[in-house]
Amino acid sequence: MFTGIVEELGEVVGKEDLADAARFAIRGPLVTSDAGHGDSIAVNGVCLTVVDLLPDGSFTADVMAETLNRSSLQDLDVGSHVNLERAAALNSRLGGHIVQGHVDGTGQVLTRTPSENWEVVRISLPDTVSRYVVEKGSITVDGISLTVSGLGSDWFEVSLIPTTLQMTTLGRAAVGTPVNLEVDVIAKYVERLLSQQA
């Protein structure tokens, strides 16, 4: 489990394409400082398992075809920057919201509207997840816990503060950039429970 509070802007330093998977090497000295084999690290909101730790502060992770097909990780190459977060510790504050690291779909950055102290980013919203998104609710975009500030039938908006603009990939994501989306898991459980009563 994660909180959607990005700890570090990492970099893809290696990528090996396999028959039905890929192996990434990702540099993130902060998130690897206390990591071990088998630990979970969210990479752009996707929960990955640490396979190896390398001396330069990098870790390797295997990504199966299912994950590549459902996320924007398939678009990463050597040199790509990624949002990194270690799994939440039960003895710390939950700064964002409950994030599983399981991508529900992908969207694309549609527009960016800068203001003096923040920026509004509009992102496309796939039909498969739109029913779970509500204005002022939580959504995870590339692993970042954000509040929905505007909502349409096939888009939503988030308002980014300077810290988010400076410390995450969303601060520099151009129009057309694909992003990973994870909706609030509580909404999915409520829907499932209500459907069982019908």
Protein backbone atom coordinates (compact mmCIF):
# COMPACT_ATOMS: atom_id res chain seq x y z
CA MET A 1 0.00 0.00 0.00
CA PHE A 2 1.13 3.55 -0.77
CA THR A 3 -0.07 7.07 -0.01
CA GLY A 4 0.52 8.84 -3.32
CA ILE A 5 3.10 11.18 -1.81
CA VAL A 6 6.04 11.03 -4.24
CA GLU A 7 9.35 10.75 -2.40
CA GLU A 8 11.78 11.03 -5.25
CA LEU A 9 12.06 11.77 -8.95
CA GLY A 10 13.95 8.76 -10.29
CA GLU A 11 15.38 7.88 -13.69
CA VAL A 12 15.22 4.79 -15.86
CA VAL A 13 18.86 3.76 -16.38
CA GLY A 14 18.26 0.42 -18.08
CA LYS A 15 15.53 -1.42 -19.95
CA GLU A 16 15.64 -4.96 -21.30
CA ASP A 17 12.75 -6.03 -23.51
CA LEU A 18 11.89 -9.70 -23.05
CA ALA A 19 9.45 -11.93 -24.93
CA ASP A 20 6.48 -11.23 -22.67
CA ALA A 21 7.92 -8.79 -20.14
CA ALA A 22 10.52 -6.11 -19.54
CA ARG A 23 13.20 -5.64 -16.91
CA PHE A 24 13.83 -2.08 -15.79
CA ALA A 25 16.74 -0.62 -13.87
CA ILE A 26 15.67 2.54 -12.07
CA ARG A 27 17.92 4.92 -10.14
CA GLY A 28 16.44 6.21 -6.90
CA PRO A 29 19.00 6.55 -4.08
CA LEU A 30 16.40 7.66 -1.52
CA VAL A 31 13.89 4.86 -2.09
CA THR A 32 16.64 2.23 -2.28
CA SER A 33 18.42 3.45 0.88
CA ASP A 34 16.51 0.99 3.07
CA ALA A 35 15.10 -1.34 0.40
CA GLY A 36 15.64 -5.06 0.15
CA HIS A 37 14.93 -7.84 -2.31
CA GLY A 38 11.16 -8.32 -2.58
CA ASP A 39 10.21 -4.87 -1.30
CA SER A 40 7.56 -2.83 -3.13
CA ILE A 41 8.31 0.50 -4.79
CA ALA A 42 5.70 2.44 -6.76
CA VAL A 43 7.01 3.60 -10.14
CA ASN A 44 4.65 6.16 -11.71
CA GLY A 45 1.95 4.64 -9.54
CA VAL A 46 2.65 1.01 -10.48
CA CYS A 47 3.61 -1.28 -7.61
CA LEU A 48 6.82 -3.08 -8.62
CA THR A 49 8.90 -5.63 -6.73
CA VAL A 50 12.60 -5.03 -6.14
CA VAL A 51 14.61 -7.85 -7.73
CA ASP A 52 18.16 -6.56 -7.27
CA LEU A 53 19.75 -3.55 -5.61
CA LEU A 54 22.71 -2.03 -7.44
CA PRO A 55 25.64 -0.08 -5.92
CA ASP A 56 24.72 3.17 -7.72
CA GLY A 57 21.37 3.51 -5.89
CA SER A 58 19.40 1.72 -8.60
CA PHE A 59 17.08 -1.26 -8.41
CA THR A 60 15.80 -3.70 -10.99
CA ALA A 61 12.20 -4.78 -11.39
CA ASP A 62 10.46 -7.20 -13.74
CA VAL A 63 7.28 -5.97 -15.42
CA MET A 64 5.02 -8.55 -17.05
CA ALA A 65 3.07 -7.97 -20.26
CA GLU A 66 -0.21 -7.48 -18.35
CA THR A 67 1.26 -4.48 -16.52
CA LEU A 68 2.91 -3.08 -19.64
CA ASN A 69 -0.38 -3.30 -21.55
CA ARG A 70 -2.40 -1.61 -18.78
CA SER A 71 -0.01 1.19 -17.89
CA SER A 72 2.22 3.83 -19.39
CA LEU A 73 5.33 1.92 -18.29
CA GLN A 74 5.50 0.52 -21.82
CA ASP A 75 6.41 4.04 -23.02
CA LEU A 76 9.41 4.40 -20.69
CA ASP A 77 12.93 4.36 -22.10
CA VAL A 78 16.40 4.92 -20.70
CA GLY A 79 16.50 8.52 -19.52
CA SER A 80 12.79 8.74 -18.66
CA HIS A 81 12.03 10.32 -15.30
CA VAL A 82 9.64 8.49 -12.97
CA ASN A 83 7.83 9.19 -9.69
CA LEU A 84 9.03 6.90 -6.89
CA GLU A 85 7.47 6.03 -3.54
CA ARG A 86 8.28 3.33 -1.00
CA ALA A 87 5.46 1.29 0.51
CA ALA A 88 3.70 3.01 3.40
CA ALA A 89 4.83 2.26 6.92
CA LEU A 90 2.01 1.59 9.38
CA ASN A 91 3.59 3.86 11.99
CA SER A 92 3.58 7.01 9.85
CA ARG A 93 1.02 9.58 8.73
CA LEU A 94 -1.15 8.85 5.70
CA GLY A 95 -0.31 12.04 3.81
CA GLY A 96 -2.32 11.35 0.65
CA HIS A 97 -4.93 8.60 0.38
CA ILE A 98 -4.96 4.80 0.19
CA VAL A 99 -3.15 3.85 -3.03
CA GLN A 100 -2.67 0.23 -4.04
CA GLY A 101 -0.31 0.71 -6.96
CA HIS A 102 -2.77 -1.12 -9.25
CA VAL A 103 -3.43 0.95 -12.37
CA ASP A 104 -7.10 1.11 -13.41
CA GLY A 105 -6.47 2.76 -16.75
CA THR A 106 -4.49 5.40 -18.57
CA GLY A 107 -5.36 8.92 -19.60
CA GLN A 108 -3.62 11.64 -21.56
CA VAL A 109 -2.73 15.18 -20.62
CA LEU A 110 -5.20 17.29 -22.62
CA THR A 111 -4.41 20.86 -21.55
CA ARG A 112 -2.25 22.80 -19.11
CA THR A 113 -3.46 26.16 -17.81
CA PRO A 114 -0.79 28.00 -15.82
CA SER A 115 -1.58 30.53 -13.13
CA GLU A 116 0.67 32.65 -10.96
CA ASN A 117 1.01 30.10 -8.17
CA TRP A 118 -0.40 26.85 -9.56
CA GLU A 119 -1.32 25.06 -12.76
CA VAL A 120 -4.54 23.32 -13.77
CA VAL A 121 -3.98 20.12 -15.76
CA ARG A 122 -6.86 18.49 -17.67
CA ILE A 123 -6.57 14.74 -18.27
CA SER A 124 -8.72 12.43 -20.37
CA LEU A 125 -10.86 9.99 -18.42
CA PRO A 126 -11.55 6.51 -19.83
CA ASP A 127 -15.16 5.25 -19.72
CA THR A 128 -14.04 2.24 -17.68
CA VAL A 129 -13.12 4.38 -14.66
CA SER A 130 -15.14 7.58 -15.03
CA ARG A 131 -17.95 6.39 -12.73
CA TYR A 132 -15.50 6.19 -9.80
CA VAL A 133 -14.29 9.80 -10.09
CA VAL A 134 -16.04 12.61 -8.23
CA GLU A 135 -15.24 16.30 -7.87
CA LYS A 136 -13.19 16.94 -4.73
CA GLY A 137 -12.47 13.21 -4.50
CA SER A 138 -9.05 11.58 -4.62
CA ILE A 139 -7.36 10.17 -7.72
CA THR A 140 -3.84 8.94 -8.34
CA VAL A 141 -2.08 10.22 -11.47
CA ASP A 142 1.30 8.58 -12.16
CA GLY A 143 1.47 7.71 -8.46
CA ILE A 144 0.62 11.21 -7.22
CA SER A 145 -2.29 11.58 -4.81
CA LEU A 146 -4.37 14.47 -6.14
CA THR A 147 -7.77 16.07 -5.60
CA VAL A 148 -10.16 16.29 -8.55
CA SER A 149 -10.79 20.01 -9.02
CA GLY A 150 -12.96 19.78 -12.14
CA LEU A 151 -14.88 17.00 -13.87
CA GLY A 152 -16.52 16.40 -17.24
CA SER A 153 -17.95 13.30 -18.89
CA ASP A 154 -14.60 12.25 -20.38
CA TRP A 155 -12.04 14.39 -18.54
CA PHE A 156 -11.04 15.59 -15.10
CA GLU A 157 -8.81 18.37 -13.82
CA VAL A 158 -6.26 18.61 -11.04
CA SER A 159 -4.70 21.78 -9.67
CA LEU A 160 -0.97 21.44 -9.05
CA ILE A 161 0.86 23.42 -6.40
CA PRO A 162 4.49 24.51 -6.98
CA THR A 163 5.87 21.54 -4.99
CA THR A 164 4.04 19.05 -7.21
CA LEU A 165 5.15 20.92 -10.33
CA GLN A 166 8.79 20.84 -9.22
CA MET A 167 9.06 17.38 -7.68
CA THR A 168 7.02 15.11 -9.97
CA THR A 169 6.85 14.10 -13.62
CA LEU A 170 3.42 15.73 -13.92
CA GLY A 171 5.11 19.12 -13.60
CA ARG A 172 6.73 18.66 -17.00
CA ALA A 173 4.28 16.32 -18.76
CA ALA A 174 3.45 17.82 -22.16
CA VAL A 175 0.03 17.73 -23.78
CA GLY A 176 -0.44 14.20 -25.15
CA THR A 177 1.64 12.51 -22.46
CA PRO A 178 0.06 9.23 -21.25
CA VAL A 179 -0.45 8.94 -17.49
CA ASN A 180 -1.41 6.08 -15.18
CA LEU A 181 -4.70 6.45 -13.30
CA GLU A 182 -5.80 4.70 -10.12
CA VAL A 183 -9.21 5.55 -8.70
CA ASP A 184 -10.17 5.42 -5.04
CA VAL A 185 -10.45 1.74 -4.13
CA ILE A 186 -13.29 2.47 -1.70
CA ALA A 187 -15.55 3.50 -4.60
CA LYS A 188 -14.94 0.15 -6.31
CA TYR A 189 -15.76 -1.80 -3.13
CA VAL A 190 -18.97 0.19 -2.60
CA GLU A 191 -20.07 -0.49 -6.18
CA ARG A 192 -19.37 -4.21 -5.78
CA LEU A 193 -21.27 -4.43 -2.49
CA LEU A 194 -24.29 -2.57 -3.87
CA SER A 195 -24.39 -4.75 -6.98
CA GLN A 196 -24.59 -7.86 -4.78
CA GLN A 197 -27.76 -6.52 -3.12
CA ALA A 198 -29.64 -6.03 -6.39
